[in-house]
Amino acid sequence: MNFGNIAVSPTLGGTVVLPTAGARTQTGGVTLPVVTGTVAPASFTVTGEGNSTYSITLPSSAITLTSANGTMTVENFVSNPGNTGTLSNGTQVVKVGATLNVGAAQPAGTYTNAAGLFVTVNYN
């Protein structure tokens, strides 16, 4: 999941919402520069038998991202398909988006999560 380049006010934080499809949006003191950098939801392929169905479980709490100079959190995870999916000929791509919480005067840097993003798929 990549939220791309972000700028923030020195006095007002905000959020960046990254949907599973479409353009990201911002709130508060966050602006989205013209040079976007890499912007993409998380994406993975579910495989299995024929036209089987499955359920998707996303993280229910915030995940902390860190850089050399600061932290931010990601929460409100969404997926496409939503709570359940149906394989088409044994595969389906699942995309995951979320909301990034950016603090006022957030230090510049590349923020990562060493623990990963866990999405659970249960076959029905």
N, C-alpha and C. Protein backbone atom coordinates (compact mmCIF):
# COMPACT_ATOMS: atom_id res chain seq x y z
N MET A 1 0.85 -1.15 0.00
CA MET A 1 0.00 0.00 0.00
C MET A 1 0.91 1.22 0.00
N ASN A 2 0.68 2.11 -0.95
CA ASN A 2 1.50 3.31 -1.07
C ASN A 2 0.59 4.53 -1.14
N PHE A 3 0.76 5.46 -0.20
CA PHE A 3 -0.05 6.67 -0.16
C PHE A 3 0.55 7.79 -1.01
N GLY A 4 1.76 7.61 -1.53
CA GLY A 4 2.38 8.62 -2.39
C GLY A 4 2.95 9.79 -1.60
N ASN A 5 3.29 10.84 -2.34
CA ASN A 5 3.86 12.05 -1.74
C ASN A 5 2.75 12.86 -1.07
N ILE A 6 3.06 13.37 0.12
CA ILE A 6 2.10 14.11 0.92
C ILE A 6 2.81 15.33 1.50
N ALA A 7 2.10 16.46 1.56
CA ALA A 7 2.62 17.64 2.25
C ALA A 7 1.64 17.97 3.38
N VAL A 8 2.14 18.55 4.46
CA VAL A 8 1.26 18.84 5.60
C VAL A 8 1.59 20.20 6.19
N SER A 9 0.59 20.85 6.72
CA SER A 9 0.73 22.14 7.37
C SER A 9 1.56 22.00 8.64
N PRO A 10 2.32 23.03 9.00
CA PRO A 10 3.07 22.97 10.26
C PRO A 10 2.17 23.07 11.49
N THR A 11 0.91 23.48 11.31
CA THR A 11 0.03 23.67 12.47
C THR A 11 -1.23 22.82 12.47
N LEU A 12 -1.51 22.11 11.37
CA LEU A 12 -2.76 21.35 11.27
C LEU A 12 -2.52 20.02 10.58
N GLY A 13 -2.80 18.94 11.27
CA GLY A 13 -2.69 17.61 10.68
C GLY A 13 -3.91 17.30 9.84
N GLY A 14 -4.00 16.07 9.36
CA GLY A 14 -5.14 15.66 8.55
C GLY A 14 -5.02 14.20 8.17
N THR A 15 -5.72 13.81 7.12
CA THR A 15 -5.70 12.42 6.67
C THR A 15 -5.54 12.35 5.16
N VAL A 16 -5.12 11.17 4.71
CA VAL A 16 -5.14 10.83 3.29
C VAL A 16 -5.93 9.53 3.19
N VAL A 17 -7.01 9.56 2.41
CA VAL A 17 -7.83 8.37 2.21
C VAL A 17 -7.45 7.76 0.88
N LEU A 18 -7.02 6.50 0.93
CA LEU A 18 -6.63 5.76 -0.26
C LEU A 18 -7.68 4.67 -0.49
N PRO A 19 -8.58 4.88 -1.48
CA PRO A 19 -9.60 3.87 -1.75
C PRO A 19 -9.01 2.70 -2.53
N THR A 20 -9.81 1.67 -2.72
CA THR A 20 -9.34 0.52 -3.48
C THR A 20 -9.29 0.82 -4.98
N ALA A 21 -10.02 1.82 -5.41
CA ALA A 21 -9.99 2.26 -6.81
C ALA A 21 -10.25 3.76 -6.82
N GLY A 22 -9.66 4.46 -7.76
CA GLY A 22 -9.89 5.88 -7.83
C GLY A 22 -8.80 6.68 -7.17
N ALA A 23 -9.02 7.99 -7.11
CA ALA A 23 -8.00 8.91 -6.63
C ALA A 23 -8.07 9.07 -5.11
N ARG A 24 -6.92 9.28 -4.49
CA ARG A 24 -6.85 9.53 -3.06
C ARG A 24 -7.40 10.92 -2.76
N THR A 25 -7.85 11.13 -1.54
CA THR A 25 -8.37 12.43 -1.11
C THR A 25 -7.70 12.81 0.20
N GLN A 26 -7.77 14.08 0.56
CA GLN A 26 -7.13 14.55 1.77
C GLN A 26 -8.11 15.37 2.60
N THR A 27 -7.79 15.50 3.91
CA THR A 27 -8.56 16.37 4.81
C THR A 27 -7.59 17.20 5.62
N GLY A 28 -8.13 18.23 6.27
CA GLY A 28 -7.35 19.05 7.20
C GLY A 28 -6.19 19.77 6.53
N GLY A 29 -5.03 19.74 7.19
CA GLY A 29 -3.85 20.45 6.72
C GLY A 29 -3.01 19.67 5.73
N VAL A 30 -3.52 18.57 5.20
CA VAL A 30 -2.77 17.75 4.24
C VAL A 30 -3.06 18.24 2.82
N THR A 31 -2.00 18.32 2.01
CA THR A 31 -2.17 18.58 0.57
C THR A 31 -1.47 17.46 -0.20
N LEU A 32 -1.97 17.25 -1.41
CA LEU A 32 -1.42 16.20 -2.27
C LEU A 32 -0.67 16.86 -3.42
N PRO A 33 0.66 16.80 -3.41
CA PRO A 33 1.46 17.47 -4.44
C PRO A 33 1.17 16.93 -5.85
N VAL A 34 1.47 17.76 -6.85
CA VAL A 34 1.30 17.36 -8.25
C VAL A 34 2.15 16.14 -8.58
N VAL A 35 3.37 16.10 -8.06
CA VAL A 35 4.23 14.92 -8.23
C VAL A 35 3.77 13.92 -7.19
N THR A 36 2.99 12.93 -7.62
CA THR A 36 2.30 12.05 -6.68
C THR A 36 3.17 10.97 -6.05
N GLY A 37 4.26 10.58 -6.72
CA GLY A 37 5.01 9.42 -6.25
C GLY A 37 4.19 8.18 -6.54
N THR A 38 4.49 7.08 -5.85
CA THR A 38 3.74 5.84 -6.05
C THR A 38 2.48 5.88 -5.20
N VAL A 39 1.32 5.75 -5.85
CA VAL A 39 0.04 5.70 -5.16
C VAL A 39 -0.65 4.42 -5.59
N ALA A 40 -0.88 3.51 -4.64
CA ALA A 40 -1.52 2.24 -4.99
C ALA A 40 -2.06 1.55 -3.75
N PRO A 41 -3.28 0.99 -3.85
CA PRO A 41 -3.75 0.17 -2.74
C PRO A 41 -2.94 -1.12 -2.67
N ALA A 42 -3.00 -1.80 -1.53
CA ALA A 42 -2.39 -3.13 -1.46
C ALA A 42 -3.17 -4.04 -2.39
N SER A 43 -2.49 -5.01 -2.98
CA SER A 43 -3.15 -5.89 -3.94
C SER A 43 -2.57 -7.29 -3.82
N PHE A 44 -3.45 -8.29 -3.82
CA PHE A 44 -2.99 -9.67 -3.82
C PHE A 44 -4.03 -10.54 -4.52
N THR A 45 -3.62 -11.71 -4.93
CA THR A 45 -4.49 -12.63 -5.65
C THR A 45 -4.86 -13.81 -4.77
N VAL A 46 -6.16 -14.07 -4.69
CA VAL A 46 -6.67 -15.24 -3.98
C VAL A 46 -6.88 -16.33 -5.02
N THR A 47 -6.40 -17.53 -4.74
CA THR A 47 -6.58 -18.65 -5.67
C THR A 47 -7.25 -19.81 -4.95
N GLY A 48 -7.93 -20.63 -5.72
CA GLY A 48 -8.59 -21.79 -5.15
C GLY A 48 -9.37 -22.54 -6.21
N GLU A 49 -10.36 -23.29 -5.79
CA GLU A 49 -11.17 -24.12 -6.67
C GLU A 49 -12.20 -23.31 -7.43
N GLY A 50 -12.25 -23.46 -8.74
CA GLY A 50 -13.31 -22.93 -9.61
C GLY A 50 -13.94 -21.62 -9.21
N ASN A 51 -15.21 -21.67 -8.86
CA ASN A 51 -15.97 -20.47 -8.51
C ASN A 51 -16.31 -20.44 -7.03
N SER A 52 -15.37 -20.84 -6.19
CA SER A 52 -15.56 -20.89 -4.75
C SER A 52 -15.72 -19.48 -4.17
N THR A 53 -16.38 -19.42 -3.00
CA THR A 53 -16.51 -18.15 -2.30
C THR A 53 -15.57 -18.15 -1.10
N TYR A 54 -15.28 -16.95 -0.60
CA TYR A 54 -14.40 -16.80 0.55
C TYR A 54 -14.77 -15.52 1.30
N SER A 55 -14.35 -15.44 2.55
CA SER A 55 -14.56 -14.23 3.34
C SER A 55 -13.21 -13.55 3.58
N ILE A 56 -13.27 -12.24 3.79
CA ILE A 56 -12.06 -11.42 3.98
C ILE A 56 -12.14 -10.76 5.35
N THR A 57 -11.06 -10.85 6.12
CA THR A 57 -10.97 -10.16 7.40
C THR A 57 -9.80 -9.19 7.33
N LEU A 58 -10.09 -7.91 7.57
CA LEU A 58 -9.08 -6.86 7.53
C LEU A 58 -8.67 -6.49 8.95
N PRO A 59 -7.53 -5.81 9.12
CA PRO A 59 -7.13 -5.38 10.46
C PRO A 59 -8.24 -4.53 11.10
N SER A 60 -8.52 -4.77 12.37
CA SER A 60 -9.58 -4.02 13.06
C SER A 60 -9.03 -2.85 13.87
N SER A 61 -7.73 -2.76 14.00
CA SER A 61 -7.12 -1.65 14.73
C SER A 61 -6.05 -0.99 13.86
N ALA A 62 -5.62 0.17 14.30
CA ALA A 62 -4.63 0.95 13.55
C ALA A 62 -3.28 0.24 13.51
N ILE A 63 -2.56 0.47 12.43
CA ILE A 63 -1.19 -0.02 12.26
C ILE A 63 -0.27 1.19 12.28
N THR A 64 0.83 1.09 13.01
CA THR A 64 1.78 2.19 13.12
C THR A 64 2.85 2.08 12.05
N LEU A 65 3.07 3.19 11.34
CA LEU A 65 4.16 3.30 10.38
C LEU A 65 5.26 4.13 11.01
N THR A 66 6.51 3.77 10.73
CA THR A 66 7.63 4.50 11.31
C THR A 66 8.63 4.91 10.24
N SER A 67 9.33 5.99 10.52
CA SER A 67 10.47 6.43 9.72
C SER A 67 11.57 6.77 10.71
N ALA A 68 12.69 7.26 10.21
CA ALA A 68 13.78 7.63 11.10
C ALA A 68 13.39 8.80 12.01
N ASN A 69 12.36 9.57 11.59
CA ASN A 69 12.03 10.80 12.32
C ASN A 69 10.64 10.86 12.93
N GLY A 70 9.82 9.84 12.72
CA GLY A 70 8.46 9.96 13.27
C GLY A 70 7.61 8.73 13.04
N THR A 71 6.33 8.85 13.45
CA THR A 71 5.37 7.77 13.26
C THR A 71 4.05 8.35 12.73
N MET A 72 3.27 7.50 12.07
CA MET A 72 1.92 7.80 11.64
C MET A 72 1.12 6.51 11.80
N THR A 73 -0.20 6.62 11.76
CA THR A 73 -1.02 5.41 11.82
C THR A 73 -1.90 5.28 10.58
N VAL A 74 -2.23 4.03 10.26
CA VAL A 74 -3.13 3.70 9.16
C VAL A 74 -4.28 2.92 9.77
N GLU A 75 -5.51 3.28 9.39
CA GLU A 75 -6.70 2.61 9.94
C GLU A 75 -7.85 2.66 8.94
N ASN A 76 -8.99 2.20 9.37
CA ASN A 76 -10.20 2.19 8.53
C ASN A 76 -9.96 1.47 7.21
N PHE A 77 -9.50 0.25 7.30
CA PHE A 77 -9.18 -0.55 6.12
C PHE A 77 -10.46 -0.94 5.38
N VAL A 78 -10.38 -0.92 4.05
CA VAL A 78 -11.48 -1.34 3.18
C VAL A 78 -10.92 -2.25 2.11
N SER A 79 -11.77 -3.14 1.58
CA SER A 79 -11.30 -4.03 0.52
C SER A 79 -12.31 -4.09 -0.62
N ASN A 80 -11.81 -4.46 -1.77
CA ASN A 80 -12.64 -4.73 -2.94
C ASN A 80 -12.18 -6.06 -3.52
N PRO A 81 -12.99 -7.12 -3.45
CA PRO A 81 -14.36 -7.11 -2.95
C PRO A 81 -14.41 -6.84 -1.45
N GLY A 82 -15.63 -6.57 -0.96
CA GLY A 82 -15.85 -6.24 0.45
C GLY A 82 -15.61 -7.41 1.37
N ASN A 83 -16.61 -7.82 2.10
CA ASN A 83 -16.46 -8.88 3.11
C ASN A 83 -16.35 -10.27 2.52
N THR A 84 -16.86 -10.47 1.32
CA THR A 84 -16.79 -11.79 0.68
C THR A 84 -16.44 -11.64 -0.79
N GLY A 85 -15.84 -12.67 -1.35
CA GLY A 85 -15.49 -12.68 -2.76
C GLY A 85 -15.82 -14.02 -3.37
N THR A 86 -15.88 -14.04 -4.69
CA THR A 86 -16.12 -15.27 -5.43
C THR A 86 -15.04 -15.40 -6.49
N LEU A 87 -14.35 -16.52 -6.47
CA LEU A 87 -13.30 -16.76 -7.44
C LEU A 87 -13.91 -16.91 -8.84
N SER A 88 -13.23 -16.39 -9.82
CA SER A 88 -13.63 -16.56 -11.21
C SER A 88 -12.59 -17.46 -11.86
N ASN A 89 -12.98 -18.68 -12.16
CA ASN A 89 -12.04 -19.66 -12.70
C ASN A 89 -10.84 -19.87 -11.79
N GLY A 90 -11.08 -19.79 -10.48
CA GLY A 90 -10.03 -20.12 -9.52
C GLY A 90 -9.18 -18.97 -9.03
N THR A 91 -9.42 -17.72 -9.46
CA THR A 91 -8.62 -16.59 -8.97
C THR A 91 -9.47 -15.34 -8.82
N GLN A 92 -9.02 -14.44 -7.98
CA GLN A 92 -9.59 -13.10 -7.87
C GLN A 92 -8.57 -12.18 -7.22
N VAL A 93 -8.45 -10.97 -7.74
CA VAL A 93 -7.56 -9.97 -7.16
C VAL A 93 -8.32 -9.22 -6.08
N VAL A 94 -7.72 -9.08 -4.91
CA VAL A 94 -8.28 -8.32 -3.80
C VAL A 94 -7.42 -7.08 -3.61
N LYS A 95 -8.07 -5.92 -3.51
CA LYS A 95 -7.36 -4.67 -3.25
C LYS A 95 -7.78 -4.13 -1.89
N VAL A 96 -6.82 -3.55 -1.17
CA VAL A 96 -7.07 -3.03 0.18
C VAL A 96 -6.60 -1.58 0.24
N GLY A 97 -7.49 -0.71 0.69
CA GLY A 97 -7.18 0.70 0.91
C GLY A 97 -7.34 1.04 2.38
N ALA A 98 -7.04 2.28 2.77
CA ALA A 98 -7.13 2.67 4.18
C ALA A 98 -7.00 4.18 4.30
N THR A 99 -7.04 4.65 5.54
CA THR A 99 -6.87 6.07 5.86
C THR A 99 -5.56 6.25 6.62
N LEU A 100 -4.73 7.18 6.13
CA LEU A 100 -3.46 7.52 6.77
C LEU A 100 -3.67 8.78 7.61
N ASN A 101 -3.31 8.71 8.89
CA ASN A 101 -3.41 9.85 9.80
C ASN A 101 -2.07 10.57 9.84
N VAL A 102 -2.08 11.83 9.43
CA VAL A 102 -0.85 12.63 9.32
C VAL A 102 -0.90 13.74 10.37
N GLY A 103 0.14 13.83 11.18
CA GLY A 103 0.20 14.87 12.21
C GLY A 103 0.64 16.21 11.65
N ALA A 104 0.32 17.27 12.37
CA ALA A 104 0.82 18.61 12.02
C ALA A 104 2.34 18.57 12.04
N ALA A 105 2.97 19.19 11.06
CA ALA A 105 4.44 19.23 10.96
C ALA A 105 5.04 17.83 10.94
N GLN A 106 4.33 16.89 10.34
CA GLN A 106 4.83 15.51 10.24
C GLN A 106 6.20 15.51 9.57
N PRO A 107 7.22 14.90 10.18
CA PRO A 107 8.55 14.89 9.57
C PRO A 107 8.56 14.15 8.22
N ALA A 108 9.31 14.69 7.28
CA ALA A 108 9.44 14.04 5.97
C ALA A 108 10.17 12.71 6.12
N GLY A 109 9.87 11.79 5.23
CA GLY A 109 10.55 10.51 5.26
C GLY A 109 9.73 9.43 4.60
N THR A 110 10.32 8.27 4.50
CA THR A 110 9.62 7.09 4.00
C THR A 110 9.17 6.29 5.21
N TYR A 111 7.87 6.14 5.36
CA TYR A 111 7.29 5.45 6.51
C TYR A 111 6.92 4.03 6.11
N THR A 112 7.31 3.08 6.95
CA THR A 112 7.05 1.67 6.66
C THR A 112 6.51 0.97 7.91
N ASN A 113 6.03 -0.23 7.69
CA ASN A 113 5.55 -1.07 8.78
C ASN A 113 6.25 -2.41 8.67
N ALA A 114 7.18 -2.67 9.55
CA ALA A 114 7.95 -3.91 9.49
C ALA A 114 7.10 -5.14 9.80
N ALA A 115 6.00 -4.99 10.52
CA ALA A 115 5.17 -6.12 10.90
C ALA A 115 4.25 -6.59 9.78
N GLY A 116 4.03 -5.77 8.77
CA GLY A 116 3.19 -6.16 7.64
C GLY A 116 1.73 -5.82 7.85
N LEU A 117 0.96 -6.06 6.81
CA LEU A 117 -0.48 -5.86 6.80
C LEU A 117 -1.12 -7.22 6.64
N PHE A 118 -1.82 -7.68 7.66
CA PHE A 118 -2.39 -9.03 7.62
C PHE A 118 -3.85 -8.98 7.21
N VAL A 119 -4.14 -9.64 6.10
CA VAL A 119 -5.50 -9.81 5.60
C VAL A 119 -5.76 -11.30 5.59
N THR A 120 -6.84 -11.73 6.21
CA THR A 120 -7.15 -13.14 6.30
C THR A 120 -8.25 -13.51 5.31
N VAL A 121 -8.04 -14.58 4.59
CA VAL A 121 -9.02 -15.10 3.66
C VAL A 121 -9.43 -16.49 4.14
N ASN A 122 -10.74 -16.68 4.35
CA ASN A 122 -11.27 -17.98 4.76
C ASN A 122 -12.15 -18.51 3.66
N TYR A 123 -11.82 -19.69 3.16
CA TYR A 123 -12.61 -20.31 2.10
C TYR A 123 -13.89 -20.88 2.69
N ASN A 124 -15.00 -20.68 1.97
CA ASN A 124 -16.29 -21.19 2.42
C ASN A 124 -16.55 -22.58 1.90
